[in-house]
């Protein structure tokens, strides 16, 4: 990421927000912490099978976030 903002309008479910706005600010510290711990993903992967069921769910963080790392490349 070079912080160019191109991905924001491209996200089909508007899950990517500008980190200078109020919505993005709450994720800055979280991103800072886990970017150091979690493996990198440099290639696009297919969506998870249950992705469609979650796309319209609001405020997913409290119930869906896990601090366990996923798989990298």
PDB file of N, CA and C in Angstrom:
ATOM      1  N   UNK A   1       0.838  -1.181   0.000  1.00  0.00           N
ATOM      2  CA  UNK A   1       0.000   0.000   0.000  1.00  0.00           C
ATOM      3  C   UNK A   1       0.882   1.243   0.000  1.00  0.00           C
ATOM      4  N   UNK A   2       0.593   2.139  -0.909  1.00  0.00           N
ATOM      5  CA  UNK A   2       1.301   3.417  -0.938  1.00  0.00           C
ATOM      6  C   UNK A   2       0.369   4.554  -0.555  1.00  0.00           C
ATOM      7  N   UNK A   3      -0.769   4.200   0.041  1.00  0.00           N
ATOM      8  CA  UNK A   3      -1.717   5.174   0.571  1.00  0.00           C
ATOM      9  C   UNK A   3      -2.232   6.126  -0.508  1.00  0.00           C
ATOM     10  N   UNK A   4      -2.565   5.573  -1.665  1.00  0.00           N
ATOM     11  CA  UNK A   4      -3.026   6.410  -2.767  1.00  0.00           C
ATOM     12  C   UNK A   4      -4.543   6.559  -2.808  1.00  0.00           C
ATOM     13  N   UNK A   5      -5.266   5.669  -2.130  1.00  0.00           N
ATOM     14  CA  UNK A   5      -6.721   5.765  -2.078  1.00  0.00           C
ATOM     15  C   UNK A   5      -7.457   5.128  -3.235  1.00  0.00           C
ATOM     16  N   UNK A   6      -6.752   4.541  -4.190  1.00  0.00           N
ATOM     17  CA  UNK A   6      -7.400   3.943  -5.360  1.00  0.00           C
ATOM     18  C   UNK A   6      -8.318   2.790  -4.964  1.00  0.00           C
ATOM     19  N   UNK A   7      -7.952   2.053  -3.932  1.00  0.00           N
ATOM     20  CA  UNK A   7      -8.742   0.881  -3.536  1.00  0.00           C
ATOM     21  C   UNK A   7     -10.087   1.249  -2.915  1.00  0.00           C
ATOM     22  N   UNK A   8     -10.204   2.422  -2.318  1.00  0.00           N
ATOM     23  CA  UNK A   8     -11.438   2.795  -1.620  1.00  0.00           C
ATOM     24  C   UNK A   8     -12.677   2.707  -2.511  1.00  0.00           C
ATOM     25  N   UNK A   9     -12.706   3.372  -3.654  1.00  0.00           N
ATOM     26  CA  UNK A   9     -13.911   3.272  -4.488  1.00  0.00           C
ATOM     27  C   UNK A   9     -14.051   1.933  -5.204  1.00  0.00           C
ATOM     28  N   UNK A  10     -12.970   1.157  -5.283  1.00  0.00           N
ATOM     29  CA  UNK A  10     -13.017  -0.131  -5.971  1.00  0.00           C
ATOM     30  C   UNK A  10     -13.611  -1.247  -5.120  1.00  0.00           C
ATOM     31  N   UNK A  11     -13.634  -1.089  -3.808  1.00  0.00           N
ATOM     32  CA  UNK A  11     -14.149  -2.136  -2.921  1.00  0.00           C
ATOM     33  C   UNK A  11     -15.660  -2.252  -3.110  1.00  0.00           C
ATOM     34  N   UNK A  12     -16.146  -3.424  -3.535  1.00  0.00           N
ATOM     35  CA  UNK A  12     -17.573  -3.562  -3.858  1.00  0.00           C
ATOM     36  C   UNK A  12     -18.507  -3.447  -2.657  1.00  0.00           C
ATOM     37  N   UNK A  13     -18.001  -3.623  -1.440  1.00  0.00           N
ATOM     38  CA  UNK A  13     -18.889  -3.509  -0.277  1.00  0.00           C
ATOM     39  C   UNK A  13     -18.495  -2.340   0.628  1.00  0.00           C
ATOM     40  N   UNK A  14     -17.683  -1.429   0.097  1.00  0.00           N
ATOM     41  CA  UNK A  14     -17.266  -0.223   0.811  1.00  0.00           C
ATOM     42  C   UNK A  14     -16.613  -0.540   2.158  1.00  0.00           C
ATOM     43  N   UNK A  15     -15.797  -1.583   2.194  1.00  0.00           N
ATOM     44  CA  UNK A  15     -15.117  -1.988   3.425  1.00  0.00           C
ATOM     45  C   UNK A  15     -13.808  -1.244   3.647  1.00  0.00           C
ATOM     46  N   UNK A  16     -13.335  -0.518   2.653  1.00  0.00           N
ATOM     47  CA  UNK A  16     -12.088   0.230   2.784  1.00  0.00           C
ATOM     48  C   UNK A  16     -12.449   1.696   2.938  1.00  0.00           C
ATOM     49  N   UNK A  17     -11.988   2.290   4.025  1.00  0.00           N
ATOM     50  CA  UNK A  17     -12.309   3.691   4.290  1.00  0.00           C
ATOM     51  C   UNK A  17     -11.027   4.499   4.439  1.00  0.00           C
ATOM     52  N   UNK A  18     -11.125   5.786   4.180  1.00  0.00           N
ATOM     53  CA  UNK A  18     -10.016   6.718   4.311  1.00  0.00           C
ATOM     54  C   UNK A  18      -9.591   6.780   5.779  1.00  0.00           C
ATOM     55  N   UNK A  19      -8.308   6.622   6.054  1.00  0.00           N
ATOM     56  CA  UNK A  19      -7.864   6.622   7.449  1.00  0.00           C
ATOM     57  C   UNK A  19      -7.808   8.008   8.074  1.00  0.00           C
ATOM     58  N   UNK A  20      -8.100   9.052   7.317  1.00  0.00           N
ATOM     59  CA  UNK A  20      -8.141  10.387   7.898  1.00  0.00           C
ATOM     60  C   UNK A  20      -9.534  10.738   8.406  1.00  0.00           C
ATOM     61  N   UNK A  21     -10.539   9.965   8.025  1.00  0.00           N
ATOM     62  CA  UNK A  21     -11.900  10.193   8.504  1.00  0.00           C
ATOM     63  C   UNK A  21     -12.139   9.504   9.836  1.00  0.00           C
ATOM     64  N   UNK A  22     -13.256   9.824  10.471  1.00  0.00           N
ATOM     65  CA  UNK A  22     -13.584   9.264  11.789  1.00  0.00           C
ATOM     66  C   UNK A  22     -13.659   7.739  11.759  1.00  0.00           C
ATOM     67  N   UNK A  23     -14.250   7.178  10.721  1.00  0.00           N
ATOM     68  CA  UNK A  23     -14.379   5.717  10.625  1.00  0.00           C
ATOM     69  C   UNK A  23     -13.009   5.054  10.540  1.00  0.00           C
ATOM     70  N   UNK A  24     -12.123   5.622   9.757  1.00  0.00           N
ATOM     71  CA  UNK A  24     -10.795   5.043   9.596  1.00  0.00           C
ATOM     72  C   UNK A  24      -9.890   5.236  10.798  1.00  0.00           C
ATOM     73  N   UNK A  25     -10.072   6.323  11.522  1.00  0.00           N
ATOM     74  CA  UNK A  25      -9.224   6.611  12.682  1.00  0.00           C
ATOM     75  C   UNK A  25      -9.258   5.500  13.721  1.00  0.00           C
ATOM     76  N   UNK A  26     -10.423   4.905  13.920  1.00  0.00           N
ATOM     77  CA  UNK A  26     -10.514   3.879  14.959  1.00  0.00           C
ATOM     78  C   UNK A  26      -9.729   2.611  14.604  1.00  0.00           C
ATOM     79  N   UNK A  27      -9.358   2.460  13.333  1.00  0.00           N
ATOM     80  CA  UNK A  27      -8.611   1.276  12.924  1.00  0.00           C
ATOM     81  C   UNK A  27      -7.106   1.520  12.798  1.00  0.00           C
ATOM     82  N   UNK A  28      -6.660   2.754  12.935  1.00  0.00           N
ATOM     83  CA  UNK A  28      -5.233   3.036  12.762  1.00  0.00           C
ATOM     84  C   UNK A  28      -4.357   2.289  13.766  1.00  0.00           C
ATOM     85  N   UNK A  29      -4.692   2.343  15.046  1.00  0.00           N
ATOM     86  CA  UNK A  29      -3.883   1.658  16.058  1.00  0.00           C
ATOM     87  C   UNK A  29      -3.940   0.147  15.868  1.00  0.00           C
ATOM     88  N   UNK A  30      -5.111  -0.354  15.562  1.00  0.00           N
ATOM     89  CA  UNK A  30      -5.278  -1.783  15.302  1.00  0.00           C
ATOM     90  C   UNK A  30      -4.401  -2.211  14.126  1.00  0.00           C
ATOM     91  N   UNK A  31      -4.432  -1.449  13.054  1.00  0.00           N
ATOM     92  CA  UNK A  31      -3.608  -1.754  11.880  1.00  0.00           C
ATOM     93  C   UNK A  31      -2.124  -1.679  12.214  1.00  0.00           C
ATOM     94  N   UNK A  32      -1.749  -0.673  12.991  1.00  0.00           N
ATOM     95  CA  UNK A  32      -0.345  -0.508  13.365  1.00  0.00           C
ATOM     96  C   UNK A  32       0.153  -1.745  14.129  1.00  0.00           C
ATOM     97  N   UNK A  33      -0.646  -2.221  15.061  1.00  0.00           N
ATOM     98  CA  UNK A  33      -0.256  -3.380  15.869  1.00  0.00           C
ATOM     99  C   UNK A  33      -0.170  -4.663  15.041  1.00  0.00           C
ATOM    100  N   UNK A  34      -1.205  -4.951  14.283  1.00  0.00           N
ATOM    101  CA  UNK A  34      -1.260  -6.239  13.597  1.00  0.00           C
ATOM    102  C   UNK A  34      -0.458  -6.282  12.301  1.00  0.00           C
ATOM    103  N   UNK A  35      -0.151  -5.161  11.713  1.00  0.00           N
ATOM    104  CA  UNK A  35       0.706  -5.155  10.523  1.00  0.00           C
ATOM    105  C   UNK A  35       2.099  -5.678  10.860  1.00  0.00           C
ATOM    106  N   UNK A  36       2.517  -5.492  12.103  1.00  0.00           N
ATOM    107  CA  UNK A  36       3.819  -5.990  12.551  1.00  0.00           C
ATOM    108  C   UNK A  36       3.797  -7.489  12.844  1.00  0.00           C
ATOM    109  N   UNK A  37       2.642  -8.034  13.200  1.00  0.00           N
ATOM    110  CA  UNK A  37       2.536  -9.419  13.650  1.00  0.00           C
ATOM    111  C   UNK A  37       2.088 -10.395  12.570  1.00  0.00           C
ATOM    112  N   UNK A  38       1.187  -9.968  11.732  1.00  0.00           N
ATOM    113  CA  UNK A  38       0.553 -10.884  10.781  1.00  0.00           C
ATOM    114  C   UNK A  38       1.370 -11.023   9.503  1.00  0.00           C
ATOM    115  N   UNK A  39       1.263 -12.176   8.826  1.00  0.00           N
ATOM    116  CA  UNK A  39       1.988 -12.361   7.561  1.00  0.00           C
ATOM    117  C   UNK A  39       1.398 -11.475   6.457  1.00  0.00           C
ATOM    118  N   UNK A  40       2.222 -11.172   5.488  1.00  0.00           N
ATOM    119  CA  UNK A  40       1.778 -10.363   4.354  1.00  0.00           C
ATOM    120  C   UNK A  40       1.059 -11.210   3.318  1.00  0.00           C
ATOM    121  N   UNK A  41       0.148 -10.577   2.625  1.00  0.00           N
ATOM    122  CA  UNK A  41      -0.526 -11.190   1.483  1.00  0.00           C
ATOM    123  C   UNK A  41      -0.206 -10.302   0.288  1.00  0.00           C
ATOM    124  N   UNK A  42       0.453 -10.849  -0.710  1.00  0.00           N
ATOM    125  CA  UNK A  42       0.835 -10.058  -1.878  1.00  0.00           C
ATOM    126  C   UNK A  42       0.108 -10.484  -3.140  1.00  0.00           C
ATOM    127  N   UNK A  43      -0.700 -11.534  -3.018  1.00  0.00           N
ATOM    128  CA  UNK A  43      -1.472 -12.014  -4.169  1.00  0.00           C
ATOM    129  C   UNK A  43      -2.940 -12.118  -3.787  1.00  0.00           C
ATOM    130  N   UNK A  44      -3.782 -11.771  -4.718  1.00  0.00           N
ATOM    131  CA  UNK A  44      -5.216 -11.850  -4.470  1.00  0.00           C
ATOM    132  C   UNK A  44      -5.642 -13.296  -4.257  1.00  0.00           C
ATOM    133  N   UNK A  45      -6.493 -13.495  -3.278  1.00  0.00           N
ATOM    134  CA  UNK A  45      -7.046 -14.820  -3.004  1.00  0.00           C
ATOM    135  C   UNK A  45      -8.545 -14.779  -3.282  1.00  0.00           C
ATOM    136  N   UNK A  46      -9.154 -15.921  -3.537  1.00  0.00           N
ATOM    137  CA  UNK A  46     -10.607 -15.919  -3.736  1.00  0.00           C
ATOM    138  C   UNK A  46     -11.316 -15.599  -2.420  1.00  0.00           C
ATOM    139  N   UNK A  47     -12.518 -15.048  -2.483  1.00  0.00           N
ATOM    140  CA  UNK A  47     -13.267 -14.762  -1.257  1.00  0.00           C
ATOM    141  C   UNK A  47     -13.554 -16.051  -0.483  1.00  0.00           C
ATOM    142  N   UNK A  48     -13.697 -15.921   0.817  1.00  0.00           N
ATOM    143  CA  UNK A  48     -14.086 -17.070   1.637  1.00  0.00           C
ATOM    144  C   UNK A  48     -15.491 -17.507   1.249  1.00  0.00           C
ATOM    145  N   UNK A  49     -15.821 -18.772   1.406  1.00  0.00           N
ATOM    146  CA  UNK A  49     -17.147 -19.266   1.010  1.00  0.00           C
ATOM    147  C   UNK A  49     -18.300 -18.517   1.676  1.00  0.00           C
ATOM    148  N   UNK A  50     -18.091 -18.046   2.899  1.00  0.00           N
ATOM    149  CA  UNK A  50     -19.158 -17.355   3.620  1.00  0.00           C
ATOM    150  C   UNK A  50     -19.158 -15.837   3.417  1.00  0.00           C
ATOM    151  N   UNK A  51     -18.324 -15.323   2.531  1.00  0.00           N
ATOM    152  CA  UNK A  51     -18.197 -13.879   2.328  1.00  0.00           C
ATOM    153  C   UNK A  51     -19.521 -13.216   1.968  1.00  0.00           C
ATOM    154  N   UNK A  52     -20.282 -13.827   1.118  1.00  0.00           N
ATOM    155  CA  UNK A  52     -21.558 -13.244   0.679  1.00  0.00           C
ATOM    156  C   UNK A  52     -22.503 -13.021   1.867  1.00  0.00           C
ATOM    157  N   UNK A  53     -22.509 -13.928   2.820  1.00  0.00           N
ATOM    158  CA  UNK A  53     -23.393 -13.815   3.986  1.00  0.00           C
ATOM    159  C   UNK A  53     -23.003 -12.641   4.888  1.00  0.00           C
ATOM    160  N   UNK A  54     -21.744 -12.233   4.847  1.00  0.00           N
ATOM    161  CA  UNK A  54     -21.268 -11.163   5.716  1.00  0.00           C
ATOM    162  C   UNK A  54     -21.226  -9.798   5.045  1.00  0.00           C
ATOM    163  N   UNK A  55     -21.407  -9.721   3.754  1.00  0.00           N
ATOM    164  CA  UNK A  55     -21.160  -8.462   3.051  1.00  0.00           C
ATOM    165  C   UNK A  55     -22.043  -7.313   3.508  1.00  0.00           C
ATOM    166  N   UNK A  56     -23.259  -7.567   3.934  1.00  0.00           N
ATOM    167  CA  UNK A  56     -24.147  -6.489   4.363  1.00  0.00           C
ATOM    168  C   UNK A  56     -24.227  -6.345   5.878  1.00  0.00           C
ATOM    169  N   UNK A  57     -23.506  -7.160   6.601  1.00  0.00           N
ATOM    170  CA  UNK A  57     -23.528  -7.083   8.063  1.00  0.00           C
ATOM    171  C   UNK A  57     -22.769  -5.838   8.506  1.00  0.00           C
ATOM    172  N   UNK A  58     -23.381  -5.036   9.330  1.00  0.00           N
ATOM    173  CA  UNK A  58     -22.757  -3.806   9.821  1.00  0.00           C
ATOM    174  C   UNK A  58     -21.998  -4.088  11.112  1.00  0.00           C
ATOM    175  N   UNK A  59     -20.989  -3.281  11.378  1.00  0.00           N
ATOM    176  CA  UNK A  59     -20.234  -3.328  12.627  1.00  0.00           C
ATOM    177  C   UNK A  59     -19.738  -4.737  12.953  1.00  0.00           C
ATOM    178  N   UNK A  60     -19.035  -5.329  12.007  1.00  0.00           N
ATOM    179  CA  UNK A  60     -18.547  -6.707  12.163  1.00  0.00           C
ATOM    180  C   UNK A  60     -17.399  -6.839  13.164  1.00  0.00           C
ATOM    181  N   UNK A  61     -16.659  -5.783  13.373  1.00  0.00           N
ATOM    182  CA  UNK A  61     -15.451  -5.893  14.190  1.00  0.00           C
ATOM    183  C   UNK A  61     -15.687  -6.525  15.564  1.00  0.00           C
ATOM    184  N   UNK A  62     -16.621  -6.059  16.382  1.00  0.00           N
ATOM    185  CA  UNK A  62     -16.749  -6.639  17.732  1.00  0.00           C
ATOM    186  C   UNK A  62     -17.036  -8.145  17.749  1.00  0.00           C
ATOM    187  N   UNK A  63     -17.775  -8.622  16.785  1.00  0.00           N
ATOM    188  CA  UNK A  63     -18.150 -10.039  16.818  1.00  0.00           C
ATOM    189  C   UNK A  63     -17.296 -10.930  15.913  1.00  0.00           C
ATOM    190  N   UNK A  64     -16.599 -10.367  14.948  1.00  0.00           N
ATOM    191  CA  UNK A  64     -15.901 -11.188  13.957  1.00  0.00           C
ATOM    192  C   UNK A  64     -14.378 -11.094  13.987  1.00  0.00           C
ATOM    193  N   UNK A  65     -13.805 -10.075  14.604  1.00  0.00           N
ATOM    194  CA  UNK A  65     -12.350  -9.920  14.609  1.00  0.00           C
ATOM    195  C   UNK A  65     -11.691 -11.021  15.436  1.00  0.00           C
ATOM    196  N   UNK A  66     -10.594 -11.539  14.924  1.00  0.00           N
ATOM    197  CA  UNK A  66      -9.779 -12.505  15.658  1.00  0.00           C
ATOM    198  C   UNK A  66      -8.336 -12.016  15.630  1.00  0.00           C
ATOM    199  N   UNK A  67      -7.658 -12.086  16.758  1.00  0.00           N
ATOM    200  CA  UNK A  67      -6.258 -11.664  16.755  1.00  0.00           C
ATOM    201  C   UNK A  67      -5.318 -12.772  16.292  1.00  0.00           C
ATOM    202  N   UNK A  68      -5.877 -13.927  15.940  1.00  0.00           N
ATOM    203  CA  UNK A  68      -5.075 -15.024  15.395  1.00  0.00           C
ATOM    204  C   UNK A  68      -4.727 -14.713  13.939  1.00  0.00           C
ATOM    205  N   UNK A  69      -3.463 -14.823  13.563  1.00  0.00           N
ATOM    206  CA  UNK A  69      -3.096 -14.502  12.186  1.00  0.00           C
ATOM    207  C   UNK A  69      -3.651 -15.504  11.184  1.00  0.00           C
ATOM    208  N   UNK A  70      -3.960 -15.011  10.007  1.00  0.00           N
ATOM    209  CA  UNK A  70      -4.348 -15.883   8.906  1.00  0.00           C
ATOM    210  C   UNK A  70      -3.098 -16.369   8.195  1.00  0.00           C
ATOM    211  N   UNK A  71      -3.296 -16.974   7.045  1.00  0.00           N
ATOM    212  CA  UNK A  71      -2.163 -17.453   6.259  1.00  0.00           C
ATOM    213  C   UNK A  71      -1.663 -16.346   5.343  1.00  0.00           C
ATOM    214  N   UNK A  72      -0.368 -16.248   5.195  1.00  0.00           N
ATOM    215  CA  UNK A  72       0.210 -15.332   4.220  1.00  0.00           C
ATOM    216  C   UNK A  72       0.212 -16.009   2.860  1.00  0.00           C
ATOM    217  N   UNK A  73       1.111 -15.570   1.999  1.00  0.00           N
ATOM    218  CA  UNK A  73       1.208 -16.170   0.661  1.00  0.00           C
ATOM    219  C   UNK A  73       1.680 -17.598   0.727  1.00  0.00           C
TER     220      UNK A  73
END
